[in-house]
Amino acid sequence: MRAIIVGGGKVGFYLAKTLLEHGYSITIIEQDREQSRYCANNLDAEVSCGNGTTVEALEACGADKADCVIAVLGQDESNLVCCQIAKQRFGVKKTIAKVNNPKNKDALKELGVDIVISATDNIIQMLEFEVDLSAMKKLIQLDGEDASLMEITIPKNYALEGKKLMELNLPSGCLIACITRGTRTVIPSGQTTLQNGDVALVVMMNSAEKELRKALKIKD
């Protein structure tokens, strides 16, 4: 499966990482040169520095051969334009757009975007799921809303501080994709340890949440 992700910020980066884990072939289009370089250095994906809302940028990345185009830019209009070009000019079968203003969700669907994901709706769902906001936050729903990108803040006096990830018996339905430690970003391995104050970004199946809380000793 070949996917083009337009927008290589936090959402685009970790979405790409997740899809790569699932065997997708990924191309990222990101306009900011520094962020493009970061994506290229940290992902096994093709990265193009350019404006993903233009025919030229999408054509250069082989949009005519893509199975889906996913637009996760900061402006709803830009995500709409990107998806419309992908669908109408290049015949992309599946277009997906992140919408920042939930009032625009229906409009994007009416204008031809196949799947529209609202960050605000996800926050509402997060509250409905009674997620502990002090420790675990659902940032966005993924994979047809069966999976999520979760942010976990490691509390002070953490019981598992210094434990290696390989020793934590994490459930099979989750992957710790990144750890922010102060001003540093750590791409973890099994030897990586958790420390007080770490912020971990976890890609997980929603069904694995209770097991993950138990493995990491995060209170409900």
Protein backbone atom coordinates (compact mmCIF):
# COMPACT_ATOMS: atom_id res chain seq x y z
CA MET A 1 0.00 0.00 0.00
CA ARG A 2 1.42 3.38 -1.03
CA ALA A 3 0.43 6.51 0.89
CA ILE A 4 1.37 10.17 0.58
CA ILE A 5 1.20 12.19 3.80
CA VAL A 6 1.01 15.95 3.27
CA GLY A 7 2.34 17.63 6.39
CA GLY A 8 5.35 16.33 8.28
CA GLY A 9 4.68 17.89 11.68
CA LYS A 10 3.97 15.90 14.85
CA VAL A 11 0.80 14.23 13.56
CA GLY A 12 2.23 13.50 10.12
CA PHE A 13 5.51 12.20 11.53
CA TYR A 14 3.95 9.69 13.91
CA LEU A 15 1.28 8.70 11.44
CA ALA A 16 4.05 7.90 8.96
CA LYS A 17 5.91 5.92 11.61
CA THR A 18 2.78 3.89 12.37
CA LEU A 19 1.99 3.18 8.73
CA LEU A 20 5.58 2.14 8.08
CA GLU A 21 5.24 -0.37 10.93
CA HIS A 22 2.19 -1.74 9.11
CA GLY A 23 4.15 -2.23 5.88
CA TYR A 24 3.04 0.88 3.98
CA SER A 25 5.29 2.63 1.49
CA ILE A 26 5.27 6.28 2.64
CA THR A 27 6.10 9.60 1.03
CA ILE A 28 5.92 12.76 3.14
CA ILE A 29 5.52 16.24 1.64
CA GLU A 30 6.56 18.95 4.10
CA GLN A 31 7.15 22.60 3.25
CA ASP A 32 9.44 23.48 6.16
CA ARG A 33 13.02 22.56 5.27
CA GLU A 34 14.14 21.78 8.83
CA GLN A 35 11.14 19.55 9.52
CA SER A 36 11.66 17.82 6.18
CA ARG A 37 15.23 17.06 7.18
CA TYR A 38 14.09 15.75 10.57
CA CYS A 39 11.57 13.40 8.93
CA ALA A 40 14.15 12.19 6.42
CA ASN A 41 16.70 11.48 9.15
CA ASN A 42 14.29 9.64 11.45
CA LEU A 43 11.97 7.72 9.14
CA ASP A 44 12.48 5.08 6.48
CA ALA A 45 10.30 7.09 4.11
CA GLU A 46 10.71 9.30 1.07
CA VAL A 47 10.52 12.97 2.05
CA SER A 48 9.89 15.85 -0.34
CA CYS A 49 10.31 19.48 0.69
CA GLY A 50 7.49 21.32 -1.04
CA ASN A 51 3.93 22.62 -0.98
CA GLY A 52 1.60 19.62 -0.92
CA THR A 53 -1.37 21.69 -2.06
CA THR A 54 0.09 22.07 -5.56
CA VAL A 55 -0.25 19.82 -8.58
CA GLU A 56 3.51 19.96 -9.12
CA ALA A 57 4.41 18.69 -5.63
CA LEU A 58 1.90 15.85 -5.73
CA GLU A 59 2.92 14.88 -9.26
CA ALA A 60 6.61 14.83 -8.30
CA CYS A 61 5.78 12.40 -5.48
CA GLY A 62 3.89 10.02 -7.76
CA ALA A 63 0.33 10.80 -6.67
CA ASP A 64 -0.98 8.99 -9.75
CA LYS A 65 0.37 5.74 -8.25
CA ALA A 66 -0.71 6.39 -4.63
CA ASP A 67 -3.42 4.32 -2.96
CA CYS A 68 -4.26 7.16 -0.57
CA VAL A 69 -3.36 10.76 0.21
CA ILE A 70 -3.56 11.95 3.81
CA ALA A 71 -3.56 15.73 4.45
CA VAL A 72 -2.68 16.79 8.01
CA LEU A 73 -1.77 20.45 7.50
CA GLY A 74 -2.66 23.21 9.95
CA GLN A 75 -5.36 24.80 7.77
CA ASP A 76 -8.57 23.07 6.75
CA GLU A 77 -8.62 24.85 3.37
CA SER A 78 -5.16 23.49 2.57
CA ASN A 79 -6.18 19.95 3.49
CA LEU A 80 -9.27 20.26 1.29
CA VAL A 81 -7.31 21.57 -1.72
CA CYS A 82 -4.74 18.80 -1.34
CA CYS A 83 -7.41 16.08 -1.28
CA GLN A 84 -9.35 17.59 -4.18
CA ILE A 85 -6.24 17.73 -6.38
CA ALA A 86 -5.33 14.17 -5.43
CA LYS A 87 -8.82 12.90 -6.24
CA GLN A 88 -9.66 14.96 -9.34
CA ARG A 89 -6.27 15.33 -11.01
CA PHE A 90 -4.59 12.06 -10.09
CA GLY A 91 -7.53 9.72 -9.43
CA VAL A 92 -6.41 8.75 -5.92
CA LYS A 93 -8.94 6.23 -4.59
CA LYS A 94 -8.87 7.30 -0.92
CA THR A 95 -8.33 10.80 0.47
CA ILE A 96 -8.13 11.56 4.19
CA ALA A 97 -8.05 15.02 5.77
CA LYS A 98 -7.54 16.29 9.30
CA VAL A 99 -10.00 19.07 10.12
CA ASN A 100 -9.09 21.61 12.79
CA ASN A 101 -12.48 23.34 12.98
CA PRO A 102 -15.20 20.69 13.53
CA LYS A 103 -17.73 22.96 11.80
CA ASN A 104 -15.90 22.26 8.55
CA LYS A 105 -16.19 18.47 8.83
CA ASP A 106 -19.42 18.06 6.87
CA ALA A 107 -18.32 20.60 4.26
CA LEU A 108 -15.11 18.69 3.50
CA LYS A 109 -17.08 15.46 3.09
CA GLU A 110 -19.56 17.17 0.76
CA LEU A 111 -16.66 18.53 -1.28
CA GLY A 112 -15.28 15.08 -1.92
CA VAL A 113 -12.91 14.14 0.91
CA ASP A 114 -13.46 10.44 1.68
CA ILE A 115 -12.52 10.46 5.38
CA VAL A 116 -12.46 13.56 7.59
CA ILE A 117 -10.86 13.34 11.04
CA SER A 118 -11.69 16.04 13.60
CA ALA A 119 -9.18 16.67 16.37
CA THR A 120 -11.92 18.30 18.45
CA ASP A 121 -14.16 15.26 18.10
CA ASN A 122 -11.29 13.11 19.28
CA ILE A 123 -10.89 15.27 22.39
CA ILE A 124 -14.59 14.88 23.13
CA GLN A 125 -14.26 11.12 22.69
CA MET A 126 -11.25 11.17 24.98
CA LEU A 127 -13.32 12.83 27.71
CA GLU A 128 -16.13 10.36 27.16
CA PHE A 129 -13.67 7.49 27.53
CA GLU A 130 -12.72 9.00 30.93
CA VAL A 131 -9.04 9.06 30.15
CA ASP A 132 -6.86 10.27 33.01
CA LEU A 133 -5.76 13.65 31.60
CA SER A 134 -2.91 14.02 34.12
CA ALA A 135 -1.12 10.95 32.79
CA MET A 136 -2.62 9.70 29.50
CA LYS A 137 -4.01 11.74 26.63
CA LYS A 138 -5.48 10.47 23.39
CA LEU A 139 -4.16 12.82 20.71
CA ILE A 140 -5.86 11.38 17.65
CA GLN A 141 -7.80 8.33 16.50
CA LEU A 142 -6.15 6.17 13.84
CA ASP A 143 -6.94 3.19 11.62
CA GLY A 144 -10.69 3.64 11.33
CA GLU A 145 -10.91 4.72 14.98
CA ASP A 146 -9.71 1.30 16.22
CA ALA A 147 -6.32 2.71 17.19
CA SER A 148 -5.02 5.90 18.80
CA LEU A 149 -1.94 8.02 19.22
CA MET A 150 -1.56 8.35 23.00
CA GLU A 151 0.62 10.74 25.00
CA ILE A 152 1.76 9.40 28.37
CA THR A 153 3.49 11.61 30.95
CA ILE A 154 5.63 9.64 33.38
CA PRO A 155 4.84 10.93 36.90
CA LYS A 156 7.23 11.85 39.70
CA ASN A 157 8.42 9.01 41.93
CA TYR A 158 7.53 6.58 39.17
CA ALA A 159 7.53 2.96 40.30
CA LEU A 160 9.17 1.71 37.09
CA GLU A 161 11.85 4.39 36.75
CA GLY A 162 15.00 2.89 35.28
CA LYS A 163 13.22 -0.17 33.91
CA LYS A 164 14.09 -1.12 30.33
CA LEU A 165 11.19 -1.16 27.87
CA MET A 166 11.96 -4.78 27.05
CA GLU A 167 11.28 -5.64 30.72
CA LEU A 168 7.84 -4.04 30.90
CA ASN A 169 5.79 -6.74 29.17
CA LEU A 170 3.92 -4.22 27.02
CA PRO A 171 0.81 -5.55 25.25
CA SER A 172 1.21 -6.57 21.62
CA GLY A 173 -1.26 -3.91 20.49
CA CYS A 174 0.97 -0.95 21.31
CA LEU A 175 4.26 0.63 20.26
CA ILE A 176 6.21 3.36 22.08
CA ALA A 177 7.21 5.46 19.08
CA CYS A 178 9.03 8.35 20.74
CA ILE A 179 10.06 9.70 24.14
CA THR A 180 10.60 13.39 24.88
CA ARG A 181 13.08 13.87 27.71
CA GLY A 182 13.52 17.54 28.53
CA THR A 183 14.69 19.11 25.28
CA ARG A 184 15.80 15.78 23.78
CA THR A 185 13.86 13.41 21.57
CA VAL A 186 14.61 9.72 22.05
CA ILE A 187 13.65 7.09 19.48
CA PRO A 188 13.41 4.11 21.85
CA SER A 189 14.74 0.58 21.64
CA GLY A 190 14.22 -2.32 24.01
CA GLN A 191 17.18 -1.08 26.06
CA THR A 192 15.67 2.39 26.61
CA THR A 193 14.61 3.15 30.20
CA LEU A 194 11.72 5.29 31.44
CA GLN A 195 12.54 8.29 33.64
CA ASN A 196 10.50 10.69 35.74
CA GLY A 197 9.08 13.48 33.58
CA ASP A 198 9.41 11.60 30.29
CA VAL A 199 6.61 12.15 27.77
CA ALA A 200 6.03 9.05 25.65
CA LEU A 201 4.05 8.96 22.42
CA VAL A 202 2.42 5.56 22.04
CA VAL A 203 0.60 4.12 19.04
CA MET A 204 -1.91 1.59 20.34
CA MET A 205 -5.03 -0.36 19.57
CA ASN A 206 -7.82 1.01 21.76
CA SER A 207 -8.48 -2.50 23.04
CA ALA A 208 -4.98 -2.58 24.58
CA GLU A 209 -5.46 0.48 26.81
CA LYS A 210 -6.18 -1.36 30.06
CA GLU A 211 -3.26 -3.74 29.52
CA LEU A 212 -0.98 -0.80 28.75
CA ARG A 213 -2.04 1.04 31.93
CA LYS A 214 -1.35 -2.12 33.92
CA ALA A 215 2.05 -2.73 32.30
CA LEU A 216 3.16 0.88 32.87
CA LYS A 217 1.47 1.14 36.31
CA ILE A 218 -0.52 4.21 35.27
CA LYS A 219 -3.48 4.77 37.58
CA ASP A 220 -7.00 4.67 36.14
